[in-house]
Amino acid sequence: MADDHDADRPAYDPGVPTPPEREPPLRSTAPQTGFTMRQVGFGALVTLVGLVVIFGLPLLL
C-alpha cells in the first residue's frame, strides 16, 4: 500500500513539529457539496414513496 502514494512526497510524521511544505489536497465530501433542486426533488419523491409503502399499504390491508 505504501507504493500507492506519491513517491516524491515524504510521509507525514506526527512526531515532527514542522508541517509539510505543501498543503494536502482539498477533499470534497457529500455534506460539503451543494445539491441541485433536481436532486432535492428526487430525494423528496423517494421519501414520499417510502412513507406511502411503509404506512399506506398496512393501512389499506
N, C-alpha and C. Protein backbone atom coordinates (compact mmCIF):
# COMPACT_ATOMS: atom_id res chain seq x y z
N MET A 1 0.81 -1.20 0.00
CA MET A 1 0.00 0.00 0.00
C MET A 1 0.86 1.27 0.00
N ALA A 2 2.09 1.17 0.48
CA ALA A 2 2.92 2.36 0.56
C ALA A 2 3.24 2.90 -0.83
N ASP A 3 3.29 2.02 -1.84
CA ASP A 3 3.63 2.49 -3.18
C ASP A 3 2.44 3.14 -3.88
N ASP A 4 1.26 3.16 -3.26
CA ASP A 4 0.09 3.82 -3.84
C ASP A 4 0.18 5.34 -3.72
N HIS A 5 1.01 5.83 -2.82
CA HIS A 5 1.10 7.27 -2.57
C HIS A 5 2.20 7.88 -3.45
N ASP A 6 2.22 9.21 -3.48
CA ASP A 6 3.25 9.89 -4.26
C ASP A 6 4.63 9.57 -3.69
N ALA A 7 5.54 9.13 -4.56
CA ALA A 7 6.88 8.76 -4.11
C ALA A 7 7.72 9.98 -3.76
N ASP A 8 7.45 11.12 -4.41
CA ASP A 8 8.26 12.31 -4.16
C ASP A 8 7.83 13.06 -2.90
N ARG A 9 6.73 12.68 -2.31
CA ARG A 9 6.23 13.36 -1.12
C ARG A 9 6.63 12.56 0.11
N PRO A 10 7.30 13.20 1.09
CA PRO A 10 7.68 12.47 2.29
C PRO A 10 6.45 12.10 3.12
N ALA A 11 6.55 11.00 3.84
CA ALA A 11 5.45 10.56 4.68
C ALA A 11 5.26 11.54 5.84
N TYR A 12 4.05 11.72 6.27
CA TYR A 12 3.75 12.61 7.39
C TYR A 12 4.12 11.92 8.69
N ASP A 13 4.86 12.61 9.51
CA ASP A 13 5.26 12.08 10.81
C ASP A 13 4.72 13.01 11.88
N PRO A 14 3.75 12.58 12.68
CA PRO A 14 3.19 13.47 13.70
C PRO A 14 4.18 13.87 14.78
N GLY A 15 5.29 13.15 14.91
CA GLY A 15 6.29 13.50 15.91
C GLY A 15 7.17 14.67 15.50
N VAL A 16 7.15 15.03 14.23
CA VAL A 16 7.95 16.15 13.73
C VAL A 16 7.12 17.42 13.86
N PRO A 17 7.64 18.43 14.56
CA PRO A 17 6.82 19.63 14.79
C PRO A 17 6.64 20.52 13.56
N THR A 18 7.45 20.36 12.53
CA THR A 18 7.30 21.22 11.36
C THR A 18 6.26 20.63 10.42
N PRO A 19 5.37 21.47 9.91
CA PRO A 19 4.35 20.96 8.99
C PRO A 19 4.96 20.64 7.62
N PRO A 20 4.26 19.88 6.80
CA PRO A 20 4.76 19.60 5.45
C PRO A 20 4.91 20.88 4.64
N GLU A 21 5.72 20.84 3.59
CA GLU A 21 5.97 22.04 2.78
C GLU A 21 4.73 22.50 2.02
N ARG A 22 3.91 21.58 1.59
CA ARG A 22 2.70 21.97 0.87
C ARG A 22 1.48 21.39 1.56
N GLU A 23 0.34 22.04 1.34
CA GLU A 23 -0.89 21.59 1.98
C GLU A 23 -1.40 20.33 1.29
N PRO A 24 -2.12 19.48 2.03
CA PRO A 24 -2.71 18.31 1.39
C PRO A 24 -3.82 18.74 0.44
N PRO A 25 -4.17 17.90 -0.53
CA PRO A 25 -5.23 18.29 -1.47
C PRO A 25 -6.57 18.43 -0.75
N LEU A 26 -7.39 19.34 -1.25
CA LEU A 26 -8.70 19.54 -0.66
C LEU A 26 -9.60 18.36 -0.98
N ARG A 27 -10.45 18.00 -0.04
CA ARG A 27 -11.39 16.90 -0.25
C ARG A 27 -12.78 17.46 -0.49
N SER A 28 -13.55 16.73 -1.22
CA SER A 28 -14.94 17.09 -1.44
C SER A 28 -15.80 15.92 -1.02
N THR A 29 -16.50 16.08 0.09
CA THR A 29 -17.37 15.01 0.58
C THR A 29 -18.82 15.45 0.49
N ALA A 30 -19.72 14.54 0.60
CA ALA A 30 -21.14 14.78 0.36
C ALA A 30 -21.72 15.94 1.19
N PRO A 31 -21.48 16.01 2.49
CA PRO A 31 -22.10 17.11 3.24
C PRO A 31 -21.59 18.49 2.84
N GLN A 32 -20.43 18.56 2.20
CA GLN A 32 -19.87 19.85 1.85
C GLN A 32 -20.25 20.30 0.45
N THR A 33 -20.74 19.39 -0.37
CA THR A 33 -21.09 19.75 -1.73
C THR A 33 -22.53 20.22 -1.79
N GLY A 34 -22.82 21.07 -2.76
CA GLY A 34 -24.18 21.58 -2.91
C GLY A 34 -25.07 20.60 -3.64
N PHE A 35 -26.36 20.72 -3.42
CA PHE A 35 -27.33 19.88 -4.09
C PHE A 35 -28.14 20.73 -5.05
N THR A 36 -28.46 20.17 -6.21
CA THR A 36 -29.33 20.88 -7.15
C THR A 36 -30.78 20.67 -6.73
N MET A 37 -31.66 21.50 -7.25
CA MET A 37 -33.08 21.35 -6.92
C MET A 37 -33.62 20.03 -7.48
N ARG A 38 -33.05 19.56 -8.57
CA ARG A 38 -33.48 18.27 -9.13
C ARG A 38 -33.15 17.13 -8.16
N GLN A 39 -31.97 17.18 -7.56
CA GLN A 39 -31.59 16.16 -6.59
C GLN A 39 -32.46 16.22 -5.34
N VAL A 40 -32.77 17.42 -4.90
CA VAL A 40 -33.62 17.60 -3.72
C VAL A 40 -35.02 17.06 -4.02
N GLY A 41 -35.55 17.37 -5.20
CA GLY A 41 -36.88 16.88 -5.58
C GLY A 41 -36.92 15.37 -5.68
N PHE A 42 -35.87 14.78 -6.24
CA PHE A 42 -35.82 13.32 -6.35
C PHE A 42 -35.76 12.69 -4.95
N GLY A 43 -34.99 13.27 -4.05
CA GLY A 43 -34.92 12.76 -2.68
C GLY A 43 -36.25 12.86 -1.97
N ALA A 44 -36.97 13.96 -2.19
CA ALA A 44 -38.30 14.12 -1.59
C ALA A 44 -39.27 13.09 -2.16
N LEU A 45 -39.19 12.83 -3.45
CA LEU A 45 -40.06 11.84 -4.09
C LEU A 45 -39.78 10.44 -3.53
N VAL A 46 -38.52 10.09 -3.39
CA VAL A 46 -38.17 8.79 -2.82
C VAL A 46 -38.67 8.68 -1.39
N THR A 47 -38.55 9.75 -0.62
CA THR A 47 -39.04 9.75 0.75
C THR A 47 -40.56 9.57 0.78
N LEU A 48 -41.25 10.27 -0.07
CA LEU A 48 -42.72 10.17 -0.12
C LEU A 48 -43.16 8.76 -0.50
N VAL A 49 -42.54 8.17 -1.51
CA VAL A 49 -42.89 6.80 -1.90
C VAL A 49 -42.59 5.83 -0.76
N GLY A 50 -41.48 6.02 -0.09
CA GLY A 50 -41.14 5.16 1.05
C GLY A 50 -42.16 5.27 2.16
N LEU A 51 -42.61 6.48 2.46
CA LEU A 51 -43.62 6.66 3.50
C LEU A 51 -44.95 6.03 3.11
N VAL A 52 -45.31 6.14 1.85
CA VAL A 52 -46.55 5.52 1.38
C VAL A 52 -46.47 4.00 1.51
N VAL A 53 -45.34 3.44 1.15
CA VAL A 53 -45.17 1.98 1.26
C VAL A 53 -45.20 1.54 2.72
N ILE A 54 -44.51 2.28 3.58
CA ILE A 54 -44.40 1.87 4.98
C ILE A 54 -45.73 2.05 5.73
N PHE A 55 -46.41 3.18 5.51
CA PHE A 55 -47.63 3.47 6.29
C PHE A 55 -48.91 3.25 5.50
N GLY A 56 -48.89 3.54 4.21
CA GLY A 56 -50.12 3.46 3.40
C GLY A 56 -50.58 2.04 3.16
N LEU A 57 -49.67 1.17 2.73
CA LEU A 57 -50.06 -0.21 2.45
C LEU A 57 -50.59 -0.94 3.67
N PRO A 58 -49.98 -0.86 4.83
CA PRO A 58 -50.55 -1.54 6.01
C PRO A 58 -51.94 -0.99 6.38
N LEU A 59 -52.16 0.30 6.17
CA LEU A 59 -53.49 0.85 6.50
C LEU A 59 -54.55 0.33 5.53
N LEU A 60 -54.16 0.11 4.26
CA LEU A 60 -55.10 -0.40 3.28
C LEU A 60 -55.41 -1.87 3.51
N LEU A 61 -54.44 -2.59 4.03
CA LEU A 61 -54.63 -4.04 4.28
C LEU A 61 -55.25 -4.22 5.62
